[in-house]
Amino acid sequence: MLRMMHEQREAGLARTRPRTAAAAAVAAIAALVASAIFAAEPAAPAAPPPPPPGMADILAAAPASAWRPLDESHTLYLELPAGRVIIELAPAMAPRTVANIETLVRQKYFDGLAVLRVQDNFVAQWGDPEERHKIPEGMQKLPPEFTVPLGANVFTSLPDRDGYAPQVGFVDSFPAARDPASGLAWLAHCYGAVGVGRDTDPASGTGSELYAVIGHAPRQLDRNVTVVGRVRQGIELLSSLPRGTAEMGFYGKAAERTPITSVRLASELPAASRTRLEVLRTDSPTFTALVEARRNRRDEWYQSRAGYIDLCNVPVPVRALHD
């Protein structure tokens, strides 16, 4: 009896084995077909990485601490018929010359003078060509301040080599250079820089004749002229003036000159008459990010990244404050 039961069980197992094997084979074939179908379907494209932040993104995310107001006690309003040119002076980089200029401004020395020279791709210069206004006693000569000691000024270095100085960067949002070996620093002739006109005598630059760079940066003038500040707003009012037709861009006729209505220190004007501006601090993380974004342009338009930036190509943004 037991043997018969065993034989029946064996027979049943034999009958089920082929069906199990067939099912396994069908499942394997189905799996192969499915994998082939899925392999033939293109994979879903990966989401593109977000674009790196550009200058506008960096500035939009900048905290209030990344900006500083212009020092109104050292800011000039040069009033022309077409509008106001705002110049921030840098007393830390040219203390005696800035003091001279501010003395002249308080005495209304520049009122009624004129822009007497506009040389294409170089400078716009203003002063007193007919010497109608007397320079006060003790101000006819001034030792040059082409350079100043490094001192305690915070210097934000750029990472790239410069052909005109061992190190370049910014001091309080002014383009500058320095030489650690000599312990000297100076402001650079970038677009918008304001310098002091002089004759051959280095001590002849008293601040009674000024110019603004309106063309390609004439860096060969660095350490040969005292740079006292930078135009923070309104440079286009100078750079768009008619070019002088005489030698070196001077105007041959007095009628061609652009008259100066007045020059005032911002701090001397009523608050309602002031133009409130802030400049990006160059010792801020925001500025560091901005420099890198400009050194390696990742905008879609750019096909090659320079990996380099020139001192005078670094933008130092300025913004107006509104009540």
C-alpha atoms as a PDB file:
ATOM      1  CA  MET A   1       0.000   0.000   0.000  1.00  0.00           C
ATOM      2  CA  LEU A   2       2.776   2.397   0.946  1.00  0.00           C
ATOM      3  CA  ARG A   3       4.640   1.598  -2.213  1.00  0.00           C
ATOM      4  CA  MET A   4       1.597   2.313  -4.337  1.00  0.00           C
ATOM      5  CA  MET A   5       1.131   5.704  -2.628  1.00  0.00           C
ATOM      6  CA  HIS A   6       4.750   6.543  -3.212  1.00  0.00           C
ATOM      7  CA  GLU A   7       4.482   5.668  -6.868  1.00  0.00           C
ATOM      8  CA  GLN A   8       1.386   7.791  -7.253  1.00  0.00           C
ATOM      9  CA  ARG A   9       3.135  10.771  -5.602  1.00  0.00           C
ATOM     10  CA  GLU A  10       6.141  10.392  -7.879  1.00  0.00           C
ATOM     11  CA  ALA A  11       3.863  10.295 -10.868  1.00  0.00           C
ATOM     12  CA  GLY A  12       2.114  13.480  -9.745  1.00  0.00           C
ATOM     13  CA  LEU A  13       5.426  15.274  -9.313  1.00  0.00           C
ATOM     14  CA  ALA A  14       6.463  14.189 -12.741  1.00  0.00           C
ATOM     15  CA  ARG A  15       3.271  15.583 -14.182  1.00  0.00           C
ATOM     16  CA  THR A  16       3.791  19.030 -12.472  1.00  0.00           C
ATOM     17  CA  ARG A  17       7.494  19.496 -13.346  1.00  0.00           C
ATOM     18  CA  PRO A  18       6.975  20.160 -17.047  1.00  0.00           C
ATOM     19  CA  ARG A  19       4.312  22.746 -16.319  1.00  0.00           C
ATOM     20  CA  THR A  20       6.602  24.547 -13.784  1.00  0.00           C
ATOM     21  CA  ALA A  21       9.504  24.560 -16.213  1.00  0.00           C
ATOM     22  CA  ALA A  22       7.305  25.907 -18.985  1.00  0.00           C
ATOM     23  CA  ALA A  23       6.060  28.728 -16.753  1.00  0.00           C
ATOM     24  CA  ALA A  24       9.591  29.657 -15.828  1.00  0.00           C
ATOM     25  CA  ALA A  25      10.567  29.761 -19.473  1.00  0.00           C
ATOM     26  CA  VAL A  26       7.610  31.976 -20.329  1.00  0.00           C
ATOM     27  CA  ALA A  27       8.470  34.324 -17.468  1.00  0.00           C
ATOM     28  CA  ALA A  28      12.077  34.554 -18.630  1.00  0.00           C
ATOM     29  CA  ILE A  29      11.006  35.340 -22.184  1.00  0.00           C
ATOM     30  CA  ALA A  30       8.607  38.020 -20.913  1.00  0.00           C
ATOM     31  CA  ALA A  31      11.368  39.554 -18.871  1.00  0.00           C
ATOM     32  CA  LEU A  32      13.664  39.659 -21.893  1.00  0.00           C
ATOM     33  CA  VAL A  33      10.966  41.247 -24.023  1.00  0.00           C
ATOM     34  CA  ALA A  34      10.218  43.835 -21.359  1.00  0.00           C
ATOM     35  CA  SER A  35      13.889  44.704 -20.932  1.00  0.00           C
ATOM     36  CA  ALA A  36      14.251  45.069 -24.688  1.00  0.00           C
ATOM     37  CA  ILE A  37      11.236  47.371 -24.840  1.00  0.00           C
ATOM     38  CA  PHE A  38      12.484  49.518 -21.987  1.00  0.00           C
ATOM     39  CA  ALA A  39      16.000  49.570 -23.412  1.00  0.00           C
ATOM     40  CA  ALA A  40      14.640  50.817 -26.721  1.00  0.00           C
ATOM     41  CA  GLU A  41      12.866  53.706 -25.026  1.00  0.00           C
ATOM     42  CA  PRO A  42      15.104  56.763 -24.578  1.00  0.00           C
ATOM     43  CA  ALA A  43      15.940  57.632 -21.020  1.00  0.00           C
ATOM     44  CA  ALA A  44      14.308  60.761 -19.659  1.00  0.00           C
ATOM     45  CA  PRO A  45      16.788  63.664 -19.989  1.00  0.00           C
ATOM     46  CA  ALA A  46      18.375  64.807 -16.744  1.00  0.00           C
ATOM     47  CA  ALA A  47      17.314  68.213 -15.569  1.00  0.00           C
ATOM     48  CA  PRO A  48      19.959  70.795 -16.555  1.00  0.00           C
ATOM     49  CA  PRO A  49      21.900  72.283 -13.639  1.00  0.00           C
ATOM     50  CA  PRO A  50      20.797  75.763 -12.632  1.00  0.00           C
ATOM     51  CA  PRO A  51      22.871  78.510 -14.258  1.00  0.00           C
ATOM     52  CA  PRO A  52      25.529  80.038 -12.018  1.00  0.00           C
ATOM     53  CA  PRO A  53      24.620  83.454 -10.623  1.00  0.00           C
ATOM     54  CA  GLY A  54      25.466  86.438 -12.773  1.00  0.00           C
ATOM     55  CA  MET A  55      26.146  89.996 -11.712  1.00  0.00           C
ATOM     56  CA  ALA A  56      22.458  90.906 -11.468  1.00  0.00           C
ATOM     57  CA  ASP A  57      21.730  87.838  -9.304  1.00  0.00           C
ATOM     58  CA  ILE A  58      24.676  88.570  -7.021  1.00  0.00           C
ATOM     59  CA  LEU A  59      23.644  92.175  -6.511  1.00  0.00           C
ATOM     60  CA  ALA A  60      20.001  91.239  -5.955  1.00  0.00           C
ATOM     61  CA  ALA A  61      21.078  88.904  -3.139  1.00  0.00           C
ATOM     62  CA  ALA A  62      23.541  91.376  -1.608  1.00  0.00           C
ATOM     63  CA  PRO A  63      22.813  92.286   2.018  1.00  0.00           C
ATOM     64  CA  ALA A  64      22.606  95.907   3.078  1.00  0.00           C
ATOM     65  CA  SER A  65      26.022  95.541   4.719  1.00  0.00           C
ATOM     66  CA  ALA A  66      27.610  95.038   1.284  1.00  0.00           C
ATOM     67  CA  TRP A  67      26.925  98.686   0.426  1.00  0.00           C
ATOM     68  CA  ARG A  68      28.182 101.945   1.900  1.00  0.00           C
ATOM     69  CA  PRO A  69      26.927 105.498   1.367  1.00  0.00           C
ATOM     70  CA  LEU A  70      29.179 108.004  -0.314  1.00  0.00           C
ATOM     71  CA  ASP A  71      31.075 110.145   2.156  1.00  0.00           C
ATOM     72  CA  GLU A  72      29.208 113.398   1.566  1.00  0.00           C
ATOM     73  CA  SER A  73      31.896 115.432   3.299  1.00  0.00           C
ATOM     74  CA  HIS A  74      34.260 114.349   0.499  1.00  0.00           C
ATOM     75  CA  THR A  75      31.825 114.213  -2.426  1.00  0.00           C
ATOM     76  CA  LEU A  76      31.721 116.902  -5.118  1.00  0.00           C
ATOM     77  CA  TYR A  77      28.750 117.936  -7.235  1.00  0.00           C
ATOM     78  CA  LEU A  78      30.049 119.295 -10.527  1.00  0.00           C
ATOM     79  CA  GLU A  79      27.071 121.075 -12.063  1.00  0.00           C
ATOM     80  CA  LEU A  80      27.028 121.341 -15.861  1.00  0.00           C
ATOM     81  CA  PRO A  81      24.256 122.656 -18.106  1.00  0.00           C
ATOM     82  CA  ALA A  82      23.333 119.036 -18.924  1.00  0.00           C
ATOM     83  CA  GLY A  83      23.241 117.837 -15.329  1.00  0.00           C
ATOM     84  CA  ARG A  84      25.213 116.801 -12.251  1.00  0.00           C
ATOM     85  CA  VAL A  85      28.491 114.902 -12.173  1.00  0.00           C
ATOM     86  CA  ILE A  86      29.137 113.283  -8.785  1.00  0.00           C
ATOM     87  CA  ILE A  87      32.765 112.769  -7.772  1.00  0.00           C
ATOM     88  CA  GLU A  88      33.793 110.962  -4.596  1.00  0.00           C
ATOM     89  CA  LEU A  89      37.203 112.035  -3.351  1.00  0.00           C
ATOM     90  CA  ALA A  90      39.640 109.705  -1.595  1.00  0.00           C
ATOM     91  CA  PRO A  91      41.391 111.641   1.182  1.00  0.00           C
ATOM     92  CA  ALA A  92      43.130 108.508   2.465  1.00  0.00           C
ATOM     93  CA  MET A  93      44.996 108.203  -0.852  1.00  0.00           C
ATOM     94  CA  ALA A  94      45.812 111.894  -1.432  1.00  0.00           C
ATOM     95  CA  PRO A  95      45.134 113.785   1.804  1.00  0.00           C
ATOM     96  CA  ARG A  96      46.839 117.125   1.091  1.00  0.00           C
ATOM     97  CA  THR A  97      45.593 117.386  -2.489  1.00  0.00           C
ATOM     98  CA  VAL A  98      42.030 116.539  -1.493  1.00  0.00           C
ATOM     99  CA  ALA A  99      42.211 119.166   1.253  1.00  0.00           C
ATOM    100  CA  ASN A 100      43.367 121.714  -1.360  1.00  0.00           C
ATOM    101  CA  ILE A 101      40.497 120.850  -3.702  1.00  0.00           C
ATOM    102  CA  GLU A 102      37.932 121.097  -0.943  1.00  0.00           C
ATOM    103  CA  THR A 103      39.300 124.475   0.105  1.00  0.00           C
ATOM    104  CA  LEU A 104      38.961 125.726  -3.481  1.00  0.00           C
ATOM    105  CA  VAL A 105      35.412 124.368  -3.668  1.00  0.00           C
ATOM    106  CA  ARG A 106      34.388 126.100  -0.440  1.00  0.00           C
ATOM    107  CA  GLN A 107      35.737 129.344  -1.877  1.00  0.00           C
ATOM    108  CA  LYS A 108      33.683 128.736  -5.064  1.00  0.00           C
ATOM    109  CA  TYR A 109      36.849 128.748  -7.123  1.00  0.00           C
ATOM    110  CA  PHE A 110      35.424 126.540  -9.913  1.00  0.00           C
ATOM    111  CA  ASP A 111      32.153 128.434 -10.337  1.00  0.00           C
ATOM    112  CA  GLY A 112      31.985 130.000 -13.782  1.00  0.00           C
ATOM    113  CA  LEU A 113      35.037 128.127 -15.107  1.00  0.00           C
ATOM    114  CA  ALA A 114      34.750 125.606 -17.931  1.00  0.00           C
ATOM    115  CA  VAL A 115      35.543 122.221 -19.371  1.00  0.00           C
ATOM    116  CA  LEU A 116      38.443 123.304 -21.540  1.00  0.00           C
ATOM    117  CA  ARG A 117      39.658 120.034 -23.009  1.00  0.00           C
ATOM    118  CA  VAL A 118      37.976 116.859 -24.237  1.00  0.00           C
ATOM    119  CA  GLN A 119      40.390 114.487 -25.930  1.00  0.00           C
ATOM    120  CA  ASP A 120      38.871 111.443 -27.581  1.00  0.00           C
ATOM    121  CA  ASN A 121      39.544 108.161 -25.752  1.00  0.00           C
ATOM    122  CA  PHE A 122      41.469 110.015 -23.060  1.00  0.00           C
ATOM    123  CA  VAL A 123      40.237 112.748 -20.696  1.00  0.00           C
ATOM    124  CA  ALA A 124      37.816 115.593 -20.098  1.00  0.00           C
ATOM    125  CA  GLN A 125      39.587 118.404 -18.242  1.00  0.00           C
ATOM    126  CA  TRP A 126      38.317 121.516 -16.505  1.00  0.00           C
ATOM    127  CA  GLY A 127      39.961 124.538 -14.940  1.00  0.00           C
ATOM    128  CA  ASP A 128      40.788 128.217 -15.409  1.00  0.00           C
ATOM    129  CA  PRO A 129      42.654 128.650 -18.726  1.00  0.00           C
ATOM    130  CA  GLU A 130      42.605 132.456 -18.538  1.00  0.00           C
ATOM    131  CA  GLU A 131      43.619 132.450 -14.853  1.00  0.00           C
ATOM    132  CA  ARG A 132      40.659 134.626 -13.917  1.00  0.00           C
ATOM    133  CA  HIS A 133      40.377 133.122 -10.437  1.00  0.00           C
ATOM    134  CA  LYS A 134      43.236 133.582  -8.038  1.00  0.00           C
ATOM    135  CA  ILE A 135      44.631 130.570  -6.219  1.00  0.00           C
ATOM    136  CA  PRO A 136      44.942 131.415  -2.502  1.00  0.00           C
ATOM    137  CA  GLU A 137      48.342 132.086  -0.977  1.00  0.00           C
ATOM    138  CA  GLY A 138      50.152 128.951   0.081  1.00  0.00           C
ATOM    139  CA  MET A 139      48.397 126.784  -2.516  1.00  0.00           C
ATOM    140  CA  GLN A 140      50.423 127.612  -5.615  1.00  0.00           C
ATOM    141  CA  LYS A 141      52.751 124.658  -4.992  1.00  0.00           C
ATOM    142  CA  LEU A 142      51.956 121.285  -3.503  1.00  0.00           C
ATOM    143  CA  PRO A 143      54.265 118.296  -3.077  1.00  0.00           C
ATOM    144  CA  PRO A 144      52.913 115.528  -5.309  1.00  0.00           C
ATOM    145  CA  GLU A 145      50.963 112.628  -3.891  1.00  0.00           C
ATOM    146  CA  PHE A 146      51.529 110.203  -6.731  1.00  0.00           C
ATOM    147  CA  THR A 147      51.845 107.481  -4.073  1.00  0.00           C
ATOM    148  CA  VAL A 148      51.107 107.173  -0.368  1.00  0.00           C
ATOM    149  CA  PRO A 149      52.327 104.766   2.320  1.00  0.00           C
ATOM    150  CA  LEU A 150      50.343 101.538   2.470  1.00  0.00           C
ATOM    151  CA  GLY A 151      49.127 102.469   5.926  1.00  0.00           C
ATOM    152  CA  ALA A 152      46.116 100.771   7.441  1.00  0.00           C
ATOM    153  CA  ASN A 153      43.879 100.944   4.372  1.00  0.00           C
ATOM    154  CA  VAL A 154      42.127  97.650   3.637  1.00  0.00           C
ATOM    155  CA  PHE A 155      43.381  96.430   0.267  1.00  0.00           C
ATOM    156  CA  THR A 156      41.246  93.880  -1.591  1.00  0.00           C
ATOM    157  CA  SER A 157      43.583  92.144  -4.056  1.00  0.00           C
ATOM    158  CA  LEU A 158      42.600  90.779  -7.433  1.00  0.00           C
ATOM    159  CA  PRO A 159      43.826  87.257  -8.236  1.00  0.00           C
ATOM    160  CA  ASP A 160      45.342  88.160 -11.614  1.00  0.00           C
ATOM    161  CA  ARG A 161      48.714  89.570 -12.569  1.00  0.00           C
ATOM    162  CA  ASP A 162      48.915  93.204 -13.674  1.00  0.00           C
ATOM    163  CA  GLY A 163      51.423  94.720 -16.053  1.00  0.00           C
ATOM    164  CA  TYR A 164      51.691  98.060 -14.229  1.00  0.00           C
ATOM    165  CA  ALA A 165      52.035  97.057 -10.591  1.00  0.00           C
ATOM    166  CA  PRO A 166      53.071  94.120  -8.390  1.00  0.00           C
ATOM    167  CA  GLN A 167      49.559  93.969  -6.934  1.00  0.00           C
ATOM    168  CA  VAL A 168      46.246  95.543  -7.906  1.00  0.00           C
ATOM    169  CA  GLY A 169      42.869  95.646  -6.257  1.00  0.00           C
ATOM    170  CA  PHE A 170      40.652  98.091  -4.440  1.00  0.00           C
ATOM    171  CA  VAL A 171      40.842 100.437  -1.491  1.00  0.00           C
ATOM    172  CA  ASP A 172      37.434 101.488  -0.193  1.00  0.00           C
ATOM    173  CA  SER A 173      35.843 100.894  -3.643  1.00  0.00           C
ATOM    174  CA  PHE A 174      38.555 102.805  -5.542  1.00  0.00           C
ATOM    175  CA  PRO A 175      40.730 100.902  -8.066  1.00  0.00           C
ATOM    176  CA  ALA A 176      44.231 100.897  -6.654  1.00  0.00           C
ATOM    177  CA  ALA A 177      47.663  99.314  -6.836  1.00  0.00           C
ATOM    178  CA  ARG A 178      50.477  98.711  -4.400  1.00  0.00           C
ATOM    179  CA  ASP A 179      54.070  97.614  -4.117  1.00  0.00           C
ATOM    180  CA  PRO A 180      54.764  95.744  -0.860  1.00  0.00           C
ATOM    181  CA  ALA A 181      58.500  95.968  -1.496  1.00  0.00           C
ATOM    182  CA  SER A 182      58.433  99.763  -1.382  1.00  0.00           C
ATOM    183  CA  GLY A 183      55.508 100.023   1.021  1.00  0.00           C
ATOM    184  CA  LEU A 184      53.614 102.343  -1.341  1.00  0.00           C
ATOM    185  CA  ALA A 185      50.092 102.399  -2.783  1.00  0.00           C
ATOM    186  CA  TRP A 186      48.300 104.556  -5.338  1.00  0.00           C
ATOM    187  CA  LEU A 187      45.009 104.981  -7.158  1.00  0.00           C
ATOM    188  CA  ALA A 188      44.843 103.717 -10.734  1.00  0.00           C
ATOM    189  CA  HIS A 189      43.820 105.522 -13.906  1.00  0.00           C
ATOM    190  CA  CYS A 190      40.700 103.521 -14.690  1.00  0.00           C
ATOM    191  CA  TYR A 191      37.666 104.871 -16.537  1.00  0.00           C
ATOM    192  CA  GLY A 192      36.084 107.577 -14.394  1.00  0.00           C
ATOM    193  CA  ALA A 193      39.228 108.254 -12.337  1.00  0.00           C
ATOM    194  CA  VAL A 194      39.705 111.918 -11.426  1.00  0.00           C
ATOM    195  CA  GLY A 195      43.246 113.264 -11.477  1.00  0.00           C
ATOM    196  CA  VAL A 196      45.058 116.547 -10.993  1.00  0.00           C
ATOM    197  CA  GLY A 197      46.457 118.354 -14.024  1.00  0.00           C
ATOM    198  CA  ARG A 198      50.040 119.558 -13.708  1.00  0.00           C
ATOM    199  CA  ASP A 199      52.923 121.015 -15.692  1.00  0.00           C
ATOM    200  CA  THR A 200      56.375 119.449 -15.928  1.00  0.00           C
ATOM    201  CA  ASP A 201      57.070 120.463 -12.342  1.00  0.00           C
ATOM    202  CA  PRO A 202      55.627 117.650 -10.182  1.00  0.00           C
ATOM    203  CA  ALA A 203      54.686 120.211  -7.510  1.00  0.00           C
ATOM    204  CA  SER A 204      52.493 122.187  -9.919  1.00  0.00           C
ATOM    205  CA  GLY A 205      49.418 119.997  -9.414  1.00  0.00           C
ATOM    206  CA  THR A 206      47.509 122.012  -6.832  1.00  0.00           C
ATOM    207  CA  GLY A 207      44.015 120.681  -7.563  1.00  0.00           C
ATOM    208  CA  SER A 208      42.915 123.827  -9.399  1.00  0.00           C
ATOM    209  CA  GLU A 209      42.777 121.876 -12.654  1.00  0.00           C
ATOM    210  CA  LEU A 210      41.137 118.468 -12.738  1.00  0.00           C
ATOM    211  CA  TYR A 211      40.357 115.811 -15.318  1.00  0.00           C
ATOM    212  CA  ALA A 212      38.303 112.639 -15.583  1.00  0.00           C
ATOM    213  CA  VAL A 213      39.341 109.610 -17.633  1.00  0.00           C
ATOM    214  CA  ILE A 214      36.746 109.074 -20.385  1.00  0.00           C
ATOM    215  CA  GLY A 215      38.550 106.493 -22.502  1.00  0.00           C
ATOM    216  CA  HIS A 216      40.685 103.391 -22.356  1.00  0.00           C
ATOM    217  CA  ALA A 217      42.544 103.312 -19.056  1.00  0.00           C
ATOM    218  CA  PRO A 218      45.813 105.302 -19.439  1.00  0.00           C
ATOM    219  CA  ARG A 219      47.635 103.328 -16.780  1.00  0.00           C
ATOM    220  CA  GLN A 220      50.987 104.770 -17.900  1.00  0.00           C
ATOM    221  CA  LEU A 221      49.948 107.859 -15.919  1.00  0.00           C
ATOM    222  CA  ASP A 222      49.897 105.891 -12.651  1.00  0.00           C
ATOM    223  CA  ARG A 223      52.473 107.283 -10.198  1.00  0.00           C
ATOM    224  CA  ASN A 224      53.028 110.272 -12.468  1.00  0.00           C
ATOM    225  CA  VAL A 225      49.850 112.179 -11.599  1.00  0.00           C
ATOM    226  CA  THR A 226      47.945 112.496  -8.347  1.00  0.00           C
ATOM    227  CA  VAL A 227      44.616 110.658  -8.581  1.00  0.00           C
ATOM    228  CA  VAL A 228      42.155 112.058  -6.061  1.00  0.00           C
ATOM    229  CA  GLY A 229      38.898 110.165  -6.620  1.00  0.00           C
ATOM    230  CA  ARG A 230      36.402 108.768  -9.070  1.00  0.00           C
ATOM    231  CA  VAL A 231      33.212 109.813 -10.824  1.00  0.00           C
ATOM    232  CA  ARG A 232      30.425 107.830  -9.179  1.00  0.00           C
ATOM    233  CA  GLN A 233      27.591 109.145 -11.350  1.00  0.00           C
ATOM    234  CA  GLY A 234      27.289 111.269 -14.484  1.00  0.00           C
ATOM    235  CA  ILE A 235      30.468 110.280 -16.328  1.00  0.00           C
ATOM    236  CA  GLU A 236      28.409 110.204 -19.539  1.00  0.00           C
ATOM    237  CA  LEU A 237      27.906 113.971 -19.219  1.00  0.00           C
ATOM    238  CA  LEU A 238      31.658 114.373 -19.653  1.00  0.00           C
ATOM    239  CA  SER A 239      32.378 111.551 -22.083  1.00  0.00           C
ATOM    240  CA  SER A 240      29.689 112.722 -24.525  1.00  0.00           C
ATOM    241  CA  LEU A 241      30.950 116.303 -24.818  1.00  0.00           C
ATOM    242  CA  PRO A 242      32.177 117.485 -28.250  1.00  0.00           C
ATOM    243  CA  ARG A 243      35.852 116.714 -28.804  1.00  0.00           C
ATOM    244  CA  GLY A 244      38.243 119.620 -28.823  1.00  0.00           C
ATOM    245  CA  THR A 245      39.621 120.441 -32.248  1.00  0.00           C
ATOM    246  CA  ALA A 246      42.943 121.929 -31.142  1.00  0.00           C
ATOM    247  CA  GLU A 247      46.059 120.035 -30.104  1.00  0.00           C
ATOM    248  CA  MET A 248      45.535 117.423 -27.352  1.00  0.00           C
ATOM    249  CA  GLY A 249      41.783 117.962 -27.455  1.00  0.00           C
ATOM    250  CA  PHE A 250      41.758 121.516 -26.163  1.00  0.00           C
ATOM    251  CA  TYR A 251      39.045 123.810 -27.472  1.00  0.00           C
ATOM    252  CA  GLY A 252      40.446 126.385 -29.867  1.00  0.00           C
ATOM    253  CA  LYS A 253      37.744 128.935 -29.051  1.00  0.00           C
ATOM    254  CA  ALA A 254      36.298 129.908 -25.693  1.00  0.00           C
ATOM    255  CA  ALA A 255      32.777 129.602 -27.116  1.00  0.00           C
ATOM    256  CA  GLU A 256      33.324 125.871 -27.645  1.00  0.00           C
ATOM    257  CA  ARG A 257      33.889 125.202 -23.967  1.00  0.00           C
ATOM    258  CA  THR A 258      31.225 123.813 -21.665  1.00  0.00           C
ATOM    259  CA  PRO A 259      30.641 126.210 -18.753  1.00  0.00           C
ATOM    260  CA  ILE A 260      30.671 125.002 -15.155  1.00  0.00           C
ATOM    261  CA  THR A 261      27.672 126.271 -13.242  1.00  0.00           C
ATOM    262  CA  SER A 262      29.105 125.404  -9.843  1.00  0.00           C
ATOM    263  CA  VAL A 263      31.048 122.864  -7.810  1.00  0.00           C
ATOM    264  CA  ARG A 264      29.898 122.125  -4.267  1.00  0.00           C
ATOM    265  CA  LEU A 265      30.575 119.650  -1.517  1.00  0.00           C
ATOM    266  CA  ALA A 266      27.508 117.475  -0.974  1.00  0.00           C
ATOM    267  CA  SER A 267      27.652 118.123   2.757  1.00  0.00           C
ATOM    268  CA  GLU A 268      27.247 121.883   2.140  1.00  0.00           C
ATOM    269  CA  LEU A 269      23.905 121.494   0.375  1.00  0.00           C
ATOM    270  CA  PRO A 270      20.492 121.062   2.008  1.00  0.00           C
ATOM    271  CA  ALA A 271      19.519 117.409   2.350  1.00  0.00           C
ATOM    272  CA  ALA A 272      16.748 117.816  -0.224  1.00  0.00           C
ATOM    273  CA  SER A 273      19.276 118.941  -2.837  1.00  0.00           C
ATOM    274  CA  ARG A 274      21.609 115.987  -2.412  1.00  0.00           C
ATOM    275  CA  THR A 275      21.779 112.853  -4.547  1.00  0.00           C
ATOM    276  CA  ARG A 276      21.930 109.911  -2.193  1.00  0.00           C
ATOM    277  CA  LEU A 277      24.130 107.152  -3.539  1.00  0.00           C
ATOM    278  CA  GLU A 278      25.635 103.941  -2.230  1.00  0.00           C
ATOM    279  CA  VAL A 279      28.651 102.142  -3.652  1.00  0.00           C
ATOM    280  CA  LEU A 280      29.360  98.430  -3.361  1.00  0.00           C
ATOM    281  CA  ARG A 281      31.957  97.714  -0.720  1.00  0.00           C
ATOM    282  CA  THR A 282      34.973  96.042  -2.258  1.00  0.00           C
ATOM    283  CA  ASP A 283      35.888  94.327   1.015  1.00  0.00           C
ATOM    284  CA  SER A 284      32.623  92.345   1.018  1.00  0.00           C
ATOM    285  CA  PRO A 285      31.866  88.715   0.067  1.00  0.00           C
ATOM    286  CA  THR A 286      29.411  90.102  -2.483  1.00  0.00           C
ATOM    287  CA  PHE A 287      32.241  91.852  -4.304  1.00  0.00           C
ATOM    288  CA  THR A 288      34.394  88.696  -4.217  1.00  0.00           C
ATOM    289  CA  ALA A 289      31.567  86.760  -5.884  1.00  0.00           C
ATOM    290  CA  LEU A 290      31.074  89.528  -8.435  1.00  0.00           C
ATOM    291  CA  VAL A 291      34.758  89.496  -9.411  1.00  0.00           C
ATOM    292  CA  GLU A 292      34.696  85.735  -9.983  1.00  0.00           C
ATOM    293  CA  ALA A 293      31.513  85.976 -12.028  1.00  0.00           C
ATOM    294  CA  ARG A 294      33.170  88.550 -14.271  1.00  0.00           C
ATOM    295  CA  ARG A 295      36.467  86.657 -14.536  1.00  0.00           C
ATOM    296  CA  ASN A 296      34.704  83.531 -15.805  1.00  0.00           C
ATOM    297  CA  ARG A 297      31.623  84.567 -17.724  1.00  0.00           C
ATOM    298  CA  ARG A 298      29.204  81.647 -17.709  1.00  0.00           C
ATOM    299  CA  ASP A 299      26.435  83.466 -19.541  1.00  0.00           C
ATOM    300  CA  GLU A 300      24.997  81.413 -22.392  1.00  0.00           C
ATOM    301  CA  TRP A 301      26.343  83.929 -24.927  1.00  0.00           C
ATOM    302  CA  TYR A 302      29.993  83.321 -23.937  1.00  0.00           C
ATOM    303  CA  GLN A 303      31.723  80.421 -25.639  1.00  0.00           C
ATOM    304  CA  SER A 304      35.118  80.909 -23.981  1.00  0.00           C
ATOM    305  CA  ARG A 305      35.912  81.890 -20.415  1.00  0.00           C
ATOM    306  CA  ALA A 306      38.783  84.298 -19.993  1.00  0.00           C
ATOM    307  CA  GLY A 307      39.787  83.180 -16.509  1.00  0.00           C
ATOM    308  CA  TYR A 308      41.240  86.648 -16.072  1.00  0.00           C
ATOM    309  CA  ILE A 309      40.089  90.180 -15.390  1.00  0.00           C
ATOM    310  CA  ASP A 310      41.846  93.502 -15.712  1.00  0.00           C
ATOM    311  CA  LEU A 311      41.679  95.934 -12.807  1.00  0.00           C
ATOM    312  CA  CYS A 312      39.876  98.560 -14.851  1.00  0.00           C
ATOM    313  CA  ASN A 313      37.312  96.061 -16.176  1.00  0.00           C
ATOM    314  CA  VAL A 314      35.987  95.237 -12.715  1.00  0.00           C
ATOM    315  CA  PRO A 315      32.652  97.020 -12.232  1.00  0.00           C
ATOM    316  CA  VAL A 316      32.061  98.791  -8.917  1.00  0.00           C
ATOM    317  CA  PRO A 317      28.273  99.213  -8.831  1.00  0.00           C
ATOM    318  CA  VAL A 318      26.614 102.340  -7.495  1.00  0.00           C
ATOM    319  CA  ARG A 319      22.932 102.576  -6.630  1.00  0.00           C
ATOM    320  CA  ALA A 320      20.625 105.447  -5.806  1.00  0.00           C
ATOM    321  CA  LEU A 321      18.697 105.517  -2.562  1.00  0.00           C
ATOM    322  CA  HIS A 322      15.068 106.541  -2.598  1.00  0.00           C
ATOM    323  CA  ASP A 323      12.900 107.558   0.326  1.00  0.00           C
END
